[in-house]
Amino acid sequence: MLGQELRDPYGVDGAADGLGLLPIETTFEREKITRGATFRFGSELSTPWAPLAHSAVSGYEIRHGHSGPVPAPGVTDPEGLGWVAGSVLGVTVHGVLESEDVMRALFGCVPAYSLDVAIDRLTDVVMANLDPRLIDGLAGLRARQDFRARACTCRNVRS
């Protein structure tokens, strides 16, 4: 998605132009890759990624296909699991930004909450302030009259 083009010769996810932020292209394959992976950052990283040079992080891959250079960006990993161009970093390994070592290197500290906890808390706040009937209606799960349900809990505010 961060690259120039998404190719889909087998009709897996759909072909499209990428965002053009990295000089790479992605080709979807029939088979889905799901496996654990250890990713090691290369030595030639620009700001803001330079503190990650040579460090390793474990995560997982879950994707269809592969990505490769067009022509040749700075590869952050010799196995082709990541690329960098200026301030843009793209990796095929999920969980990189959940690593305490990566967070400490980039920001000088570790967040008080894990990503899972932060998403759970955000979900709780959204669900407490959103009318699920409206969402059901938008998704076509309820009759059209439910579309008039309030989207959020409102309070009277004097101006």
N, C-alpha and C. Protein backbone atom coordinates (compact mmCIF):
# COMPACT_ATOMS: atom_id res chain seq x y z
N MET A 1 0.81 -1.19 0.00
CA MET A 1 0.00 0.00 0.00
C MET A 1 0.87 1.27 0.00
N LEU A 2 1.99 1.24 0.69
CA LEU A 2 2.87 2.41 0.72
C LEU A 2 3.66 2.57 -0.56
N GLY A 3 3.71 1.53 -1.37
CA GLY A 3 4.51 1.54 -2.59
C GLY A 3 3.82 2.18 -3.77
N GLN A 4 4.39 1.91 -4.97
CA GLN A 4 3.91 2.50 -6.21
C GLN A 4 2.65 1.81 -6.76
N GLU A 5 2.62 0.48 -6.63
CA GLU A 5 1.55 -0.27 -7.29
C GLU A 5 1.24 -1.56 -6.52
N LEU A 6 -0.04 -1.94 -6.55
CA LEU A 6 -0.51 -3.21 -6.02
C LEU A 6 -0.98 -4.03 -7.21
N ARG A 7 -0.31 -5.14 -7.46
CA ARG A 7 -0.67 -6.02 -8.57
C ARG A 7 -1.42 -7.22 -8.03
N ASP A 8 -2.44 -7.65 -8.77
CA ASP A 8 -3.27 -8.76 -8.30
C ASP A 8 -3.63 -9.69 -9.45
N PRO A 9 -2.67 -10.50 -9.90
CA PRO A 9 -2.95 -11.37 -11.04
C PRO A 9 -3.96 -12.48 -10.75
N TYR A 10 -4.23 -12.78 -9.48
CA TYR A 10 -5.14 -13.88 -9.12
C TYR A 10 -6.46 -13.41 -8.52
N GLY A 11 -6.69 -12.10 -8.49
CA GLY A 11 -7.95 -11.59 -7.96
C GLY A 11 -8.11 -11.78 -6.46
N VAL A 12 -7.02 -11.64 -5.72
CA VAL A 12 -7.05 -11.86 -4.27
C VAL A 12 -7.62 -10.66 -3.53
N ASP A 13 -7.03 -9.48 -3.72
CA ASP A 13 -7.44 -8.28 -2.99
C ASP A 13 -7.74 -7.09 -3.90
N GLY A 14 -7.41 -7.18 -5.16
CA GLY A 14 -7.66 -6.09 -6.09
C GLY A 14 -6.42 -5.28 -6.42
N ALA A 15 -6.21 -5.02 -7.68
CA ALA A 15 -5.08 -4.21 -8.14
C ALA A 15 -5.42 -2.73 -7.98
N ALA A 16 -4.39 -1.93 -7.70
CA ALA A 16 -4.60 -0.49 -7.53
C ALA A 16 -3.26 0.22 -7.52
N ASP A 17 -3.32 1.53 -7.69
CA ASP A 17 -2.14 2.34 -7.47
C ASP A 17 -1.88 2.39 -5.97
N GLY A 18 -0.61 2.38 -5.58
CA GLY A 18 -0.26 2.55 -4.19
C GLY A 18 -0.21 4.02 -3.83
N LEU A 19 0.19 4.30 -2.61
CA LEU A 19 0.30 5.69 -2.15
C LEU A 19 1.53 6.39 -2.69
N GLY A 20 2.48 5.62 -3.23
CA GLY A 20 3.68 6.21 -3.83
C GLY A 20 4.69 6.75 -2.83
N LEU A 21 4.64 6.29 -1.59
CA LEU A 21 5.56 6.78 -0.57
C LEU A 21 6.87 6.00 -0.52
N LEU A 22 6.87 4.77 -1.04
CA LEU A 22 8.09 3.96 -1.14
C LEU A 22 8.23 3.46 -2.57
N PRO A 23 9.45 3.41 -3.09
CA PRO A 23 9.64 2.90 -4.46
C PRO A 23 9.66 1.37 -4.48
N ILE A 24 8.52 0.78 -4.15
CA ILE A 24 8.35 -0.68 -4.18
C ILE A 24 7.01 -0.98 -4.85
N GLU A 25 6.81 -2.23 -5.21
CA GLU A 25 5.51 -2.68 -5.70
C GLU A 25 5.18 -3.99 -5.00
N THR A 26 3.90 -4.25 -4.84
CA THR A 26 3.43 -5.45 -4.17
C THR A 26 2.63 -6.28 -5.15
N THR A 27 2.90 -7.58 -5.17
CA THR A 27 2.15 -8.51 -6.01
C THR A 27 1.47 -9.52 -5.09
N PHE A 28 0.14 -9.57 -5.17
CA PHE A 28 -0.61 -10.53 -4.37
C PHE A 28 -0.50 -11.91 -4.98
N GLU A 29 -0.41 -12.91 -4.14
CA GLU A 29 -0.34 -14.31 -4.56
C GLU A 29 -1.58 -15.04 -4.04
N ARG A 30 -1.81 -16.25 -4.53
CA ARG A 30 -2.95 -17.05 -4.09
C ARG A 30 -2.85 -17.46 -2.64
N GLU A 31 -1.67 -17.87 -2.23
CA GLU A 31 -1.47 -18.39 -0.88
C GLU A 31 -1.17 -17.26 0.11
N LYS A 32 -1.76 -17.37 1.28
CA LYS A 32 -1.54 -16.39 2.34
C LYS A 32 -0.35 -16.84 3.20
N ILE A 33 0.53 -15.89 3.50
CA ILE A 33 1.67 -16.17 4.36
C ILE A 33 1.27 -15.83 5.79
N THR A 34 1.42 -16.78 6.68
CA THR A 34 1.20 -16.56 8.11
C THR A 34 2.32 -17.27 8.85
N ARG A 35 3.20 -16.48 9.44
CA ARG A 35 4.32 -17.07 10.15
C ARG A 35 4.96 -16.03 11.08
N GLY A 36 5.63 -16.55 12.08
CA GLY A 36 6.42 -15.68 12.94
C GLY A 36 7.65 -15.21 12.19
N ALA A 37 8.16 -14.06 12.56
CA ALA A 37 9.34 -13.53 11.87
C ALA A 37 10.15 -12.66 12.82
N THR A 38 11.45 -12.70 12.64
CA THR A 38 12.33 -11.78 13.34
C THR A 38 12.87 -10.82 12.30
N PHE A 39 12.71 -9.57 12.57
CA PHE A 39 13.09 -8.51 11.65
C PHE A 39 14.29 -7.79 12.22
N ARG A 40 15.34 -7.61 11.43
CA ARG A 40 16.51 -6.85 11.87
C ARG A 40 16.65 -5.62 10.99
N PHE A 41 16.65 -4.46 11.64
CA PHE A 41 16.82 -3.21 10.91
C PHE A 41 18.24 -3.11 10.37
N GLY A 42 18.38 -2.52 9.19
CA GLY A 42 19.67 -2.33 8.57
C GLY A 42 20.45 -1.19 9.22
N SER A 43 21.60 -0.90 8.67
CA SER A 43 22.46 0.12 9.26
C SER A 43 22.24 1.51 8.66
N GLU A 44 21.66 1.58 7.49
CA GLU A 44 21.50 2.86 6.78
C GLU A 44 20.09 3.41 6.94
N LEU A 45 19.74 3.85 8.13
CA LEU A 45 18.42 4.40 8.38
C LEU A 45 18.50 5.90 8.59
N SER A 46 17.58 6.62 7.97
CA SER A 46 17.53 8.07 8.14
C SER A 46 16.64 8.42 9.32
N THR A 47 16.69 9.67 9.70
CA THR A 47 15.83 10.18 10.76
C THR A 47 14.39 10.05 10.30
N PRO A 48 13.48 9.61 11.08
CA PRO A 48 13.53 9.38 12.53
C PRO A 48 13.87 7.94 12.93
N TRP A 49 14.20 7.11 11.97
CA TRP A 49 14.39 5.67 12.21
C TRP A 49 15.81 5.29 12.62
N ALA A 50 16.76 6.21 12.54
CA ALA A 50 18.17 5.92 12.82
C ALA A 50 18.41 5.22 14.17
N PRO A 51 17.68 5.54 15.24
CA PRO A 51 17.92 4.83 16.51
C PRO A 51 17.65 3.32 16.45
N LEU A 52 16.98 2.86 15.41
CA LEU A 52 16.65 1.44 15.28
C LEU A 52 17.72 0.64 14.53
N ALA A 53 18.74 1.32 14.00
CA ALA A 53 19.77 0.64 13.21
C ALA A 53 20.33 -0.56 13.96
N HIS A 54 20.40 -1.68 13.25
CA HIS A 54 20.96 -2.95 13.74
C HIS A 54 20.09 -3.67 14.77
N SER A 55 19.00 -3.08 15.23
CA SER A 55 18.20 -3.76 16.25
C SER A 55 17.29 -4.80 15.62
N ALA A 56 16.93 -5.79 16.41
CA ALA A 56 16.06 -6.87 15.96
C ALA A 56 14.75 -6.83 16.74
N VAL A 57 13.68 -7.22 16.09
CA VAL A 57 12.38 -7.28 16.74
C VAL A 57 11.62 -8.47 16.18
N SER A 58 10.88 -9.13 17.04
CA SER A 58 10.08 -10.28 16.60
C SER A 58 8.64 -9.84 16.42
N GLY A 59 7.98 -10.48 15.48
CA GLY A 59 6.59 -10.21 15.20
C GLY A 59 6.03 -11.34 14.37
N TYR A 60 5.12 -11.00 13.48
CA TYR A 60 4.53 -12.01 12.62
C TYR A 60 4.17 -11.41 11.27
N GLU A 61 4.16 -12.26 10.27
CA GLU A 61 3.71 -11.88 8.93
C GLU A 61 2.35 -12.50 8.69
N ILE A 62 1.45 -11.72 8.14
CA ILE A 62 0.16 -12.22 7.68
C ILE A 62 -0.20 -11.39 6.45
N ARG A 63 0.02 -12.00 5.28
CA ARG A 63 -0.16 -11.25 4.03
C ARG A 63 -0.28 -12.22 2.86
N HIS A 64 -0.80 -11.71 1.77
CA HIS A 64 -0.81 -12.42 0.49
C HIS A 64 0.29 -11.81 -0.37
N GLY A 65 1.20 -12.61 -0.87
CA GLY A 65 2.17 -12.12 -1.82
C GLY A 65 3.43 -11.54 -1.24
N HIS A 66 4.05 -10.67 -2.03
CA HIS A 66 5.36 -10.15 -1.68
C HIS A 66 5.53 -8.75 -2.24
N SER A 67 6.47 -8.02 -1.66
CA SER A 67 6.80 -6.67 -2.13
C SER A 67 8.27 -6.65 -2.51
N GLY A 68 8.59 -5.81 -3.46
CA GLY A 68 9.98 -5.70 -3.91
C GLY A 68 10.28 -4.33 -4.45
N PRO A 69 11.56 -4.00 -4.56
CA PRO A 69 11.99 -2.66 -4.97
C PRO A 69 11.74 -2.36 -6.44
N VAL A 70 11.47 -1.06 -6.69
CA VAL A 70 11.33 -0.51 -8.03
C VAL A 70 11.95 0.87 -8.04
N PRO A 71 13.13 1.11 -8.45
CA PRO A 71 14.22 0.20 -8.73
C PRO A 71 14.87 -0.35 -7.48
N ALA A 72 15.38 0.50 -6.55
CA ALA A 72 16.03 -0.06 -5.36
C ALA A 72 16.07 0.96 -4.23
N PRO A 73 15.08 0.91 -3.32
CA PRO A 73 15.13 1.81 -2.16
C PRO A 73 16.13 1.29 -1.14
N GLY A 74 16.32 2.05 -0.10
CA GLY A 74 17.16 1.57 0.99
C GLY A 74 16.44 0.43 1.70
N VAL A 75 16.97 -0.76 1.60
CA VAL A 75 16.34 -1.91 2.23
C VAL A 75 16.75 -1.94 3.69
N THR A 76 15.77 -2.01 4.58
CA THR A 76 16.07 -2.02 6.00
C THR A 76 16.39 -3.41 6.49
N ASP A 77 16.11 -4.42 5.68
CA ASP A 77 16.32 -5.80 6.08
C ASP A 77 16.80 -6.57 4.87
N PRO A 78 17.89 -7.32 4.98
CA PRO A 78 18.42 -8.03 3.82
C PRO A 78 17.48 -9.09 3.26
N GLU A 79 16.49 -9.56 4.04
CA GLU A 79 15.54 -10.54 3.54
C GLU A 79 14.34 -9.90 2.87
N GLY A 80 14.33 -8.58 2.74
CA GLY A 80 13.24 -7.91 2.06
C GLY A 80 11.95 -7.83 2.86
N LEU A 81 12.05 -7.72 4.18
CA LEU A 81 10.85 -7.59 5.01
C LEU A 81 10.51 -6.14 5.31
N GLY A 82 11.38 -5.20 4.87
CA GLY A 82 11.10 -3.80 5.13
C GLY A 82 11.91 -2.88 4.24
N TRP A 83 11.39 -1.65 4.10
CA TRP A 83 12.01 -0.65 3.24
C TRP A 83 11.86 0.72 3.89
N VAL A 84 12.80 1.58 3.57
CA VAL A 84 12.75 2.95 4.08
C VAL A 84 13.12 3.91 2.95
N ALA A 85 12.43 5.04 2.91
CA ALA A 85 12.74 6.13 1.98
C ALA A 85 12.47 7.42 2.74
N GLY A 86 13.53 8.10 3.13
CA GLY A 86 13.37 9.32 3.93
C GLY A 86 12.72 8.99 5.26
N SER A 87 11.61 9.66 5.56
CA SER A 87 10.94 9.44 6.85
C SER A 87 9.88 8.34 6.80
N VAL A 88 9.73 7.67 5.65
CA VAL A 88 8.71 6.62 5.51
C VAL A 88 9.35 5.25 5.69
N LEU A 89 8.78 4.47 6.59
CA LEU A 89 9.22 3.10 6.86
C LEU A 89 8.06 2.16 6.61
N GLY A 90 8.30 1.11 5.85
CA GLY A 90 7.29 0.09 5.62
C GLY A 90 7.87 -1.27 5.92
N VAL A 91 7.18 -2.06 6.73
CA VAL A 91 7.63 -3.41 7.06
C VAL A 91 6.48 -4.39 6.88
N THR A 92 6.82 -5.63 6.53
CA THR A 92 5.79 -6.66 6.39
C THR A 92 5.58 -7.43 7.69
N VAL A 93 6.38 -7.12 8.69
CA VAL A 93 6.27 -7.80 9.99
C VAL A 93 5.38 -6.96 10.90
N HIS A 94 4.28 -7.57 11.35
CA HIS A 94 3.37 -6.90 12.27
C HIS A 94 3.94 -6.97 13.68
N GLY A 95 3.65 -5.97 14.49
CA GLY A 95 4.07 -5.97 15.88
C GLY A 95 5.33 -5.17 16.15
N VAL A 96 5.93 -4.58 15.12
CA VAL A 96 7.18 -3.83 15.31
C VAL A 96 6.97 -2.69 16.31
N LEU A 97 5.88 -1.95 16.17
CA LEU A 97 5.64 -0.81 17.06
C LEU A 97 5.03 -1.23 18.40
N GLU A 98 4.91 -2.51 18.63
CA GLU A 98 4.49 -3.01 19.94
C GLU A 98 5.69 -3.48 20.76
N SER A 99 6.85 -3.44 20.18
CA SER A 99 8.07 -3.84 20.87
C SER A 99 8.52 -2.74 21.82
N GLU A 100 8.75 -3.11 23.09
CA GLU A 100 9.23 -2.13 24.06
C GLU A 100 10.59 -1.55 23.65
N ASP A 101 11.46 -2.38 23.08
CA ASP A 101 12.77 -1.90 22.65
C ASP A 101 12.64 -0.86 21.54
N VAL A 102 11.74 -1.10 20.60
CA VAL A 102 11.52 -0.15 19.50
C VAL A 102 10.94 1.16 20.05
N MET A 103 9.95 1.05 20.92
CA MET A 103 9.34 2.26 21.48
C MET A 103 10.37 3.08 22.28
N ARG A 104 11.19 2.40 23.06
CA ARG A 104 12.21 3.08 23.85
C ARG A 104 13.23 3.76 22.92
N ALA A 105 13.64 3.08 21.86
CA ALA A 105 14.61 3.66 20.92
C ALA A 105 14.04 4.89 20.22
N LEU A 106 12.79 4.84 19.83
CA LEU A 106 12.19 5.95 19.08
C LEU A 106 11.75 7.11 19.97
N PHE A 107 11.20 6.79 21.15
CA PHE A 107 10.57 7.82 21.96
C PHE A 107 11.19 8.03 23.33
N GLY A 108 12.17 7.19 23.67
CA GLY A 108 12.85 7.34 24.95
C GLY A 108 12.09 6.78 26.14
N CYS A 109 10.95 6.13 25.89
CA CYS A 109 10.18 5.55 26.97
C CYS A 109 9.25 4.48 26.40
N VAL A 110 8.63 3.76 27.30
CA VAL A 110 7.66 2.74 26.93
C VAL A 110 6.28 3.25 27.35
N PRO A 111 5.28 3.14 26.50
CA PRO A 111 3.94 3.61 26.88
C PRO A 111 3.44 2.92 28.14
N ALA A 112 2.60 3.63 28.88
CA ALA A 112 2.03 3.09 30.11
C ALA A 112 1.11 1.91 29.83
N TYR A 113 0.51 1.89 28.64
CA TYR A 113 -0.43 0.83 28.28
C TYR A 113 0.00 0.18 26.98
N SER A 114 -0.26 -1.11 26.86
CA SER A 114 0.02 -1.81 25.61
C SER A 114 -0.97 -1.34 24.55
N LEU A 115 -0.68 -1.63 23.31
CA LEU A 115 -1.59 -1.28 22.22
C LEU A 115 -2.95 -1.96 22.41
N ASP A 116 -2.96 -3.21 22.84
CA ASP A 116 -4.22 -3.92 23.08
C ASP A 116 -5.06 -3.20 24.14
N VAL A 117 -4.44 -2.79 25.24
CA VAL A 117 -5.17 -2.11 26.30
C VAL A 117 -5.70 -0.76 25.80
N ALA A 118 -4.88 -0.03 25.05
CA ALA A 118 -5.30 1.27 24.52
C ALA A 118 -6.50 1.11 23.57
N ILE A 119 -6.46 0.11 22.71
CA ILE A 119 -7.58 -0.12 21.79
C ILE A 119 -8.83 -0.55 22.55
N ASP A 120 -8.66 -1.41 23.56
CA ASP A 120 -9.81 -1.81 24.38
C ASP A 120 -10.44 -0.60 25.08
N ARG A 121 -9.63 0.28 25.62
CA ARG A 121 -10.16 1.47 26.30
C ARG A 121 -10.87 2.40 25.31
N LEU A 122 -10.29 2.59 24.14
CA LEU A 122 -10.92 3.41 23.12
C LEU A 122 -12.25 2.81 22.70
N THR A 123 -12.29 1.51 22.50
CA THR A 123 -13.53 0.83 22.12
C THR A 123 -14.60 1.02 23.19
N ASP A 124 -14.22 0.89 24.45
CA ASP A 124 -15.18 1.08 25.54
C ASP A 124 -15.79 2.48 25.52
N VAL A 125 -14.96 3.51 25.31
CA VAL A 125 -15.45 4.89 25.27
C VAL A 125 -16.37 5.10 24.07
N VAL A 126 -15.96 4.60 22.90
CA VAL A 126 -16.79 4.77 21.70
C VAL A 126 -18.13 4.07 21.90
N MET A 127 -18.12 2.83 22.37
CA MET A 127 -19.37 2.08 22.52
C MET A 127 -20.28 2.68 23.59
N ALA A 128 -19.71 3.31 24.60
CA ALA A 128 -20.51 3.94 25.64
C ALA A 128 -21.20 5.21 25.13
N ASN A 129 -20.71 5.77 24.03
CA ASN A 129 -21.24 7.03 23.53
C ASN A 129 -21.83 6.95 22.13
N LEU A 130 -22.05 5.75 21.65
CA LEU A 130 -22.56 5.55 20.30
C LEU A 130 -23.81 4.69 20.36
N ASP A 131 -24.79 5.01 19.57
CA ASP A 131 -26.01 4.22 19.54
C ASP A 131 -25.81 3.03 18.60
N PRO A 132 -25.74 1.82 19.14
CA PRO A 132 -25.50 0.66 18.28
C PRO A 132 -26.62 0.43 17.25
N ARG A 133 -27.82 0.94 17.53
CA ARG A 133 -28.92 0.81 16.55
C ARG A 133 -28.59 1.57 15.27
N LEU A 134 -27.95 2.73 15.42
CA LEU A 134 -27.56 3.50 14.25
C LEU A 134 -26.55 2.72 13.41
N ILE A 135 -25.56 2.12 14.06
CA ILE A 135 -24.55 1.33 13.35
C ILE A 135 -25.22 0.15 12.65
N ASP A 136 -26.12 -0.53 13.35
CA ASP A 136 -26.86 -1.64 12.74
C ASP A 136 -27.62 -1.17 11.51
N GLY A 137 -28.24 0.00 11.61
CA GLY A 137 -28.99 0.54 10.47
C GLY A 137 -28.10 0.88 9.30
N LEU A 138 -26.97 1.48 9.58
CA LEU A 138 -26.02 1.81 8.52
C LEU A 138 -25.49 0.56 7.84
N ALA A 139 -25.37 -0.51 8.60
CA ALA A 139 -24.87 -1.77 8.05
C ALA A 139 -25.98 -2.59 7.40
N GLY A 140 -27.20 -2.06 7.41
CA GLY A 140 -28.32 -2.78 6.79
C GLY A 140 -28.88 -3.90 7.64
N LEU A 141 -28.64 -3.84 8.95
CA LEU A 141 -29.12 -4.90 9.83
C LEU A 141 -30.45 -4.57 10.47
N ARG A 142 -30.95 -3.37 10.31
CA ARG A 142 -32.23 -2.93 10.88
C ARG A 142 -33.05 -2.23 9.80
N ALA A 143 -34.31 -2.03 10.09
CA ALA A 143 -35.19 -1.32 9.17
C ALA A 143 -34.75 0.13 9.05
N ARG A 144 -35.10 0.77 7.92
CA ARG A 144 -34.65 2.12 7.63
C ARG A 144 -35.03 3.13 8.70
N GLN A 145 -36.17 2.98 9.37
CA GLN A 145 -36.57 3.97 10.37
C GLN A 145 -35.56 4.09 11.51
N ASP A 146 -34.77 3.06 11.75
CA ASP A 146 -33.75 3.13 12.80
C ASP A 146 -32.61 4.09 12.45
N PHE A 147 -32.53 4.53 11.18
CA PHE A 147 -31.48 5.46 10.80
C PHE A 147 -31.61 6.79 11.52
N ARG A 148 -32.79 7.07 12.04
CA ARG A 148 -32.99 8.33 12.74
C ARG A 148 -32.52 8.27 14.19
N ALA A 149 -32.06 7.11 14.60
CA ALA A 149 -31.55 6.98 15.97
C ALA A 149 -30.37 7.92 16.15
N ARG A 150 -30.23 8.41 17.35
CA ARG A 150 -29.11 9.33 17.62
C ARG A 150 -27.78 8.61 17.49
N ALA A 151 -26.80 9.29 16.91
CA ALA A 151 -25.48 8.71 16.71
C ALA A 151 -24.65 8.76 17.99
N CYS A 152 -24.99 9.65 18.89
CA CYS A 152 -24.20 9.73 20.11
C CYS A 152 -25.06 10.24 21.25
N THR A 153 -24.56 10.12 22.42
CA THR A 153 -25.24 10.66 23.59
C THR A 153 -24.92 12.13 23.68
N CYS A 154 -25.94 12.96 23.64
CA CYS A 154 -25.73 14.41 23.66
C CYS A 154 -26.26 14.99 24.96
N ARG A 155 -25.69 16.08 25.37
CA ARG A 155 -26.20 16.78 26.54
C ARG A 155 -26.53 18.19 26.13
N ASN A 156 -27.48 18.77 26.81
CA ASN A 156 -27.87 20.14 26.50
C ASN A 156 -26.78 21.09 26.96
N VAL A 157 -26.36 21.93 26.06
CA VAL A 157 -25.31 22.90 26.35
C VAL A 157 -25.85 24.29 26.02
N ARG A 158 -25.77 25.20 26.96
CA ARG A 158 -26.22 26.57 26.70
C ARG A 158 -25.09 27.36 26.08
N SER A 159 -25.45 28.18 25.09
CA SER A 159 -24.41 28.99 24.45
C SER A 159 -24.36 30.37 25.02
